[in-house]
Amino acid sequence: MQIWVFVIATLIAVIGIVFQFKKLMSEVARKLDNNEEVTTQTLQKENNRFFIKVVMIEAIPIMLVVLGFILIESIQSPLNLIDILPALVILGITFLAGVVNVFMGQKQIFSERDVTSQAKAAITSMTFVGVSLIAAFPIISFVAMFTLLTS
C-alpha cells in the first residue's frame, strides 16, 4: 500500500505538469505565429501562470508523499526488490513519458516555425525547467521506495 501512494502522487504530478507545459508551449507557438517577440522577458507572464498552476497541481501529490512517508514508519519488516519492482517500472515509464512529451513539444515548435536564436534560448530554457519539474516526484518516489528496501 505504501509504495502505491508514491506512484499515485507521481502520476498526478507528471500528468498535470505535462498538461500545463503543453498549454505553455501552445501559447509560445501562438506568439510565434503572430510574429510576436519571444524571449525570456516577454514570456514572463506565461511562465508565472505556468508556475502557479504547477503549484496547484502539486498540492495533492505533496500531501500523498507526506502520507507515504508517514506510512513508511509503520512498516514492520523491510520489503524486497520483487515487492516494489512493479511500482519502480511504473515510475520509470511515467518519468520517461513525461520527459519525451516535453521534448516533443519543443521539437514541434522548432520544426514547424522559423525561430530566432533568442526564442530558441527561451524555449530551451523553459523545456529544461519543465523536465526538472517533471523529474521531482519520480525522484522523491524512487528515494522513498529504496528507503522501504532498507528500513
C-alpha atoms as a PDB file:
ATOM      1  CA  MET A   1       0.000   0.000   0.000  1.00  0.00           C
ATOM      2  CA  GLN A   2       2.754   2.445   0.951  1.00  0.00           C
ATOM      3  CA  ILE A   3       4.531   2.221  -2.399  1.00  0.00           C
ATOM      4  CA  TRP A   4       1.370   2.862  -4.393  1.00  0.00           C
ATOM      5  CA  VAL A   5       0.800   6.176  -2.622  1.00  0.00           C
ATOM      6  CA  PHE A   6       4.079   7.364  -4.127  1.00  0.00           C
ATOM      7  CA  VAL A   7       3.145   6.011  -7.568  1.00  0.00           C
ATOM      8  CA  ILE A   8      -0.208   7.820  -7.480  1.00  0.00           C
ATOM      9  CA  ALA A   9       1.486  11.055  -6.371  1.00  0.00           C
ATOM     10  CA  THR A  10       3.974  10.746  -9.231  1.00  0.00           C
ATOM     11  CA  LEU A  11       1.285  10.028 -11.816  1.00  0.00           C
ATOM     12  CA  ILE A  12      -0.805  13.025 -10.742  1.00  0.00           C
ATOM     13  CA  ALA A  13       2.197  15.360 -10.705  1.00  0.00           C
ATOM     14  CA  VAL A  14       3.750  14.248 -14.002  1.00  0.00           C
ATOM     15  CA  ILE A  15       0.480  14.158 -15.960  1.00  0.00           C
ATOM     16  CA  GLY A  16      -0.577  17.552 -14.598  1.00  0.00           C
ATOM     17  CA  ILE A  17       2.771  19.204 -15.271  1.00  0.00           C
ATOM     18  CA  VAL A  18       2.964  17.765 -18.796  1.00  0.00           C
ATOM     19  CA  PHE A  19      -0.543  19.050 -19.496  1.00  0.00           C
ATOM     20  CA  GLN A  20       0.336  22.543 -18.255  1.00  0.00           C
ATOM     21  CA  PHE A  21       3.648  22.521 -20.114  1.00  0.00           C
ATOM     22  CA  LYS A  22       1.856  21.686 -23.365  1.00  0.00           C
ATOM     23  CA  LYS A  23      -0.500  24.612 -22.734  1.00  0.00           C
ATOM     24  CA  LEU A  24       2.536  26.850 -22.171  1.00  0.00           C
ATOM     25  CA  MET A  25       4.135  25.657 -25.414  1.00  0.00           C
ATOM     26  CA  SER A  26       0.908  26.251 -27.328  1.00  0.00           C
ATOM     27  CA  GLU A  27       0.916  29.830 -26.004  1.00  0.00           C
ATOM     28  CA  VAL A  28       4.527  30.225 -27.181  1.00  0.00           C
ATOM     29  CA  ALA A  29       3.559  28.793 -30.582  1.00  0.00           C
ATOM     30  CA  ARG A  30       0.658  31.247 -30.794  1.00  0.00           C
ATOM     31  CA  LYS A  31       3.029  34.142 -30.074  1.00  0.00           C
ATOM     32  CA  LEU A  32       5.434  32.910 -32.748  1.00  0.00           C
ATOM     33  CA  ASP A  33       2.600  32.516 -35.257  1.00  0.00           C
ATOM     34  CA  ASN A  34       1.506  36.102 -34.554  1.00  0.00           C
ATOM     35  CA  ASN A  35       5.094  37.295 -35.124  1.00  0.00           C
ATOM     36  CA  GLU A  36       5.390  38.476 -31.525  1.00  0.00           C
ATOM     37  CA  GLU A  37       8.802  38.647 -29.941  1.00  0.00           C
ATOM     38  CA  VAL A  38       9.565  35.557 -27.865  1.00  0.00           C
ATOM     39  CA  THR A  39      12.252  35.996 -25.232  1.00  0.00           C
ATOM     40  CA  THR A  40      12.580  35.058 -21.599  1.00  0.00           C
ATOM     41  CA  GLN A  41      11.380  38.536 -20.627  1.00  0.00           C
ATOM     42  CA  THR A  42       8.348  38.571 -22.936  1.00  0.00           C
ATOM     43  CA  LEU A  43       7.248  35.158 -21.668  1.00  0.00           C
ATOM     44  CA  GLN A  44       7.375  36.190 -18.013  1.00  0.00           C
ATOM     45  CA  LYS A  45       3.580  36.398 -17.657  1.00  0.00           C
ATOM     46  CA  GLU A  46       3.076  32.953 -19.194  1.00  0.00           C
ATOM     47  CA  ASN A  47       5.850  31.497 -17.023  1.00  0.00           C
ATOM     48  CA  ASN A  48       4.269  32.953 -13.892  1.00  0.00           C
ATOM     49  CA  ARG A  49       0.901  31.407 -14.794  1.00  0.00           C
ATOM     50  CA  PHE A  50       2.609  28.098 -15.517  1.00  0.00           C
ATOM     51  CA  PHE A  51       4.360  28.026 -12.137  1.00  0.00           C
ATOM     52  CA  ILE A  52       1.191  28.959 -10.257  1.00  0.00           C
ATOM     53  CA  LYS A  53      -0.687  26.129 -11.971  1.00  0.00           C
ATOM     54  CA  VAL A  54       2.173  23.714 -11.227  1.00  0.00           C
ATOM     55  CA  VAL A  55       1.997  24.653  -7.535  1.00  0.00           C
ATOM     56  CA  MET A  56      -1.749  23.955  -7.537  1.00  0.00           C
ATOM     57  CA  ILE A  57      -1.213  20.633  -9.333  1.00  0.00           C
ATOM     58  CA  GLU A  58       1.497  19.568  -6.878  1.00  0.00           C
ATOM     59  CA  ALA A  59      -0.588  20.214  -3.752  1.00  0.00           C
ATOM     60  CA  ILE A  60      -2.239  16.782  -3.753  1.00  0.00           C
ATOM     61  CA  PRO A  61       0.935  14.850  -4.685  1.00  0.00           C
ATOM     62  CA  ILE A  62       2.799  16.614  -1.857  1.00  0.00           C
ATOM     63  CA  MET A  63       0.124  15.505   0.605  1.00  0.00           C
ATOM     64  CA  LEU A  64       0.316  11.975  -0.774  1.00  0.00           C
ATOM     65  CA  VAL A  65       4.108  11.910  -0.407  1.00  0.00           C
ATOM     66  CA  VAL A  66       3.823  13.085   3.203  1.00  0.00           C
ATOM     67  CA  LEU A  67       1.224  10.365   3.807  1.00  0.00           C
ATOM     68  CA  GLY A  68       3.524   7.837   2.150  1.00  0.00           C
ATOM     69  CA  PHE A  69       6.445   8.746   4.406  1.00  0.00           C
ATOM     70  CA  ILE A  70       4.158   8.513   7.438  1.00  0.00           C
ATOM     71  CA  LEU A  71       3.065   5.054   6.298  1.00  0.00           C
ATOM     72  CA  ILE A  72       6.695   4.003   5.803  1.00  0.00           C
ATOM     73  CA  GLU A  73       7.197   4.421   9.532  1.00  0.00           C
ATOM     74  CA  SER A  74       4.519   1.795  10.202  1.00  0.00           C
ATOM     75  CA  ILE A  75       6.229  -0.958   8.187  1.00  0.00           C
ATOM     76  CA  GLN A  76       7.449  -3.776  10.417  1.00  0.00           C
ATOM     77  CA  SER A  77       9.866  -5.508   8.052  1.00  0.00           C
ATOM     78  CA  PRO A  78      11.769  -4.276   5.004  1.00  0.00           C
ATOM     79  CA  LEU A  79      10.420  -5.068   1.572  1.00  0.00           C
ATOM     80  CA  ASN A  80      12.483  -6.807  -1.069  1.00  0.00           C
ATOM     81  CA  LEU A  81      13.081  -5.636  -4.622  1.00  0.00           C
ATOM     82  CA  ILE A  82      10.456  -8.006  -6.057  1.00  0.00           C
ATOM     83  CA  ASP A  83       7.787  -6.303  -3.914  1.00  0.00           C
ATOM     84  CA  ILE A  84       8.492  -2.845  -5.317  1.00  0.00           C
ATOM     85  CA  LEU A  85       9.590  -3.735  -8.852  1.00  0.00           C
ATOM     86  CA  PRO A  86       6.175  -3.122 -10.498  1.00  0.00           C
ATOM     87  CA  ALA A  87       5.971   0.300  -8.861  1.00  0.00           C
ATOM     88  CA  LEU A  88       9.529   1.136  -9.946  1.00  0.00           C
ATOM     89  CA  VAL A  89       8.701   0.180 -13.530  1.00  0.00           C
ATOM     90  CA  ILE A  90       5.598   2.381 -13.499  1.00  0.00           C
ATOM     91  CA  LEU A  91       7.633   5.269 -12.074  1.00  0.00           C
ATOM     92  CA  GLY A  92      10.294   4.863 -14.744  1.00  0.00           C
ATOM     93  CA  ILE A  93       7.755   4.722 -17.554  1.00  0.00           C
ATOM     94  CA  THR A  94       5.913   7.754 -16.156  1.00  0.00           C
ATOM     95  CA  PHE A  95       9.128   9.759 -15.916  1.00  0.00           C
ATOM     96  CA  LEU A  96      10.254   8.819 -19.432  1.00  0.00           C
ATOM     97  CA  ALA A  97       6.821   9.546 -20.910  1.00  0.00           C
ATOM     98  CA  GLY A  98       6.795  12.966 -19.255  1.00  0.00           C
ATOM     99  CA  VAL A  99      10.272  13.871 -20.493  1.00  0.00           C
ATOM    100  CA  VAL A 100       9.505  12.642 -24.008  1.00  0.00           C
ATOM    101  CA  ASN A 101       6.319  14.736 -24.099  1.00  0.00           C
ATOM    102  CA  VAL A 102       8.197  17.858 -23.043  1.00  0.00           C
ATOM    103  CA  PHE A 103      10.892  17.423 -25.674  1.00  0.00           C
ATOM    104  CA  MET A 104       8.287  16.598 -28.327  1.00  0.00           C
ATOM    105  CA  GLY A 105       6.593  19.920 -27.562  1.00  0.00           C
ATOM    106  CA  GLN A 106       9.886  21.730 -28.050  1.00  0.00           C
ATOM    107  CA  LYS A 107      10.673  19.835 -31.232  1.00  0.00           C
ATOM    108  CA  GLN A 108       7.235  20.581 -32.649  1.00  0.00           C
ATOM    109  CA  ILE A 109       7.744  24.319 -32.197  1.00  0.00           C
ATOM    110  CA  PHE A 110      11.216  24.218 -33.720  1.00  0.00           C
ATOM    111  CA  SER A 111      10.223  22.072 -36.692  1.00  0.00           C
ATOM    112  CA  GLU A 112       7.084  23.978 -37.699  1.00  0.00           C
ATOM    113  CA  ARG A 113       8.394  27.532 -37.401  1.00  0.00           C
ATOM    114  CA  ASP A 114      11.379  29.689 -38.165  1.00  0.00           C
ATOM    115  CA  VAL A 115      12.583  30.516 -34.657  1.00  0.00           C
ATOM    116  CA  THR A 116      15.078  33.236 -33.721  1.00  0.00           C
ATOM    117  CA  SER A 117      18.049  32.422 -31.522  1.00  0.00           C
ATOM    118  CA  GLN A 118      16.519  34.393 -28.627  1.00  0.00           C
ATOM    119  CA  ALA A 119      13.274  32.443 -28.939  1.00  0.00           C
ATOM    120  CA  LYS A 120      15.222  29.172 -29.160  1.00  0.00           C
ATOM    121  CA  ALA A 121      17.080  30.035 -25.976  1.00  0.00           C
ATOM    122  CA  ALA A 122      13.862  30.926 -24.143  1.00  0.00           C
ATOM    123  CA  ILE A 123      12.071  27.771 -25.313  1.00  0.00           C
ATOM    124  CA  THR A 124      15.041  25.559 -24.493  1.00  0.00           C
ATOM    125  CA  SER A 125      15.268  27.120 -21.039  1.00  0.00           C
ATOM    126  CA  MET A 126      11.562  26.510 -20.439  1.00  0.00           C
ATOM    127  CA  THR A 127      11.953  22.944 -21.664  1.00  0.00           C
ATOM    128  CA  PHE A 128      14.649  22.169 -19.127  1.00  0.00           C
ATOM    129  CA  VAL A 129      12.592  23.788 -16.375  1.00  0.00           C
ATOM    130  CA  GLY A 130       9.710  21.531 -17.418  1.00  0.00           C
ATOM    131  CA  VAL A 131      11.935  18.446 -17.314  1.00  0.00           C
ATOM    132  CA  SER A 132      13.178  19.441 -13.861  1.00  0.00           C
ATOM    133  CA  LEU A 133       9.650  19.859 -12.560  1.00  0.00           C
ATOM    134  CA  ILE A 134       8.612  16.528 -14.066  1.00  0.00           C
ATOM    135  CA  ALA A 135      11.620  14.747 -12.533  1.00  0.00           C
ATOM    136  CA  ALA A 136      10.928  15.911  -8.973  1.00  0.00           C
ATOM    137  CA  PHE A 137       8.228  13.444  -7.963  1.00  0.00           C
ATOM    138  CA  PRO A 138       9.714  10.377  -9.652  1.00  0.00           C
ATOM    139  CA  ILE A 139      12.983  11.080  -7.824  1.00  0.00           C
ATOM    140  CA  ILE A 140      11.182  11.514  -4.494  1.00  0.00           C
ATOM    141  CA  SER A 141       9.287   8.280  -5.111  1.00  0.00           C
ATOM    142  CA  PHE A 142      12.420   6.331  -6.088  1.00  0.00           C
ATOM    143  CA  VAL A 143      14.140   7.507  -2.899  1.00  0.00           C
ATOM    144  CA  ALA A 144      11.113   6.554  -0.808  1.00  0.00           C
ATOM    145  CA  MET A 145      10.945   3.100  -2.343  1.00  0.00           C
ATOM    146  CA  PHE A 146      14.621   2.451  -1.799  1.00  0.00           C
ATOM    147  CA  THR A 147      14.101   3.610   1.779  1.00  0.00           C
ATOM    148  CA  LEU A 148      11.493   0.844   2.042  1.00  0.00           C
ATOM    149  CA  LEU A 149      14.110  -1.657   0.910  1.00  0.00           C
ATOM    150  CA  THR A 150      16.476  -0.718   3.708  1.00  0.00           C
ATOM    151  CA  SER A 151      14.048   0.071   6.537  1.00  0.00           C
END
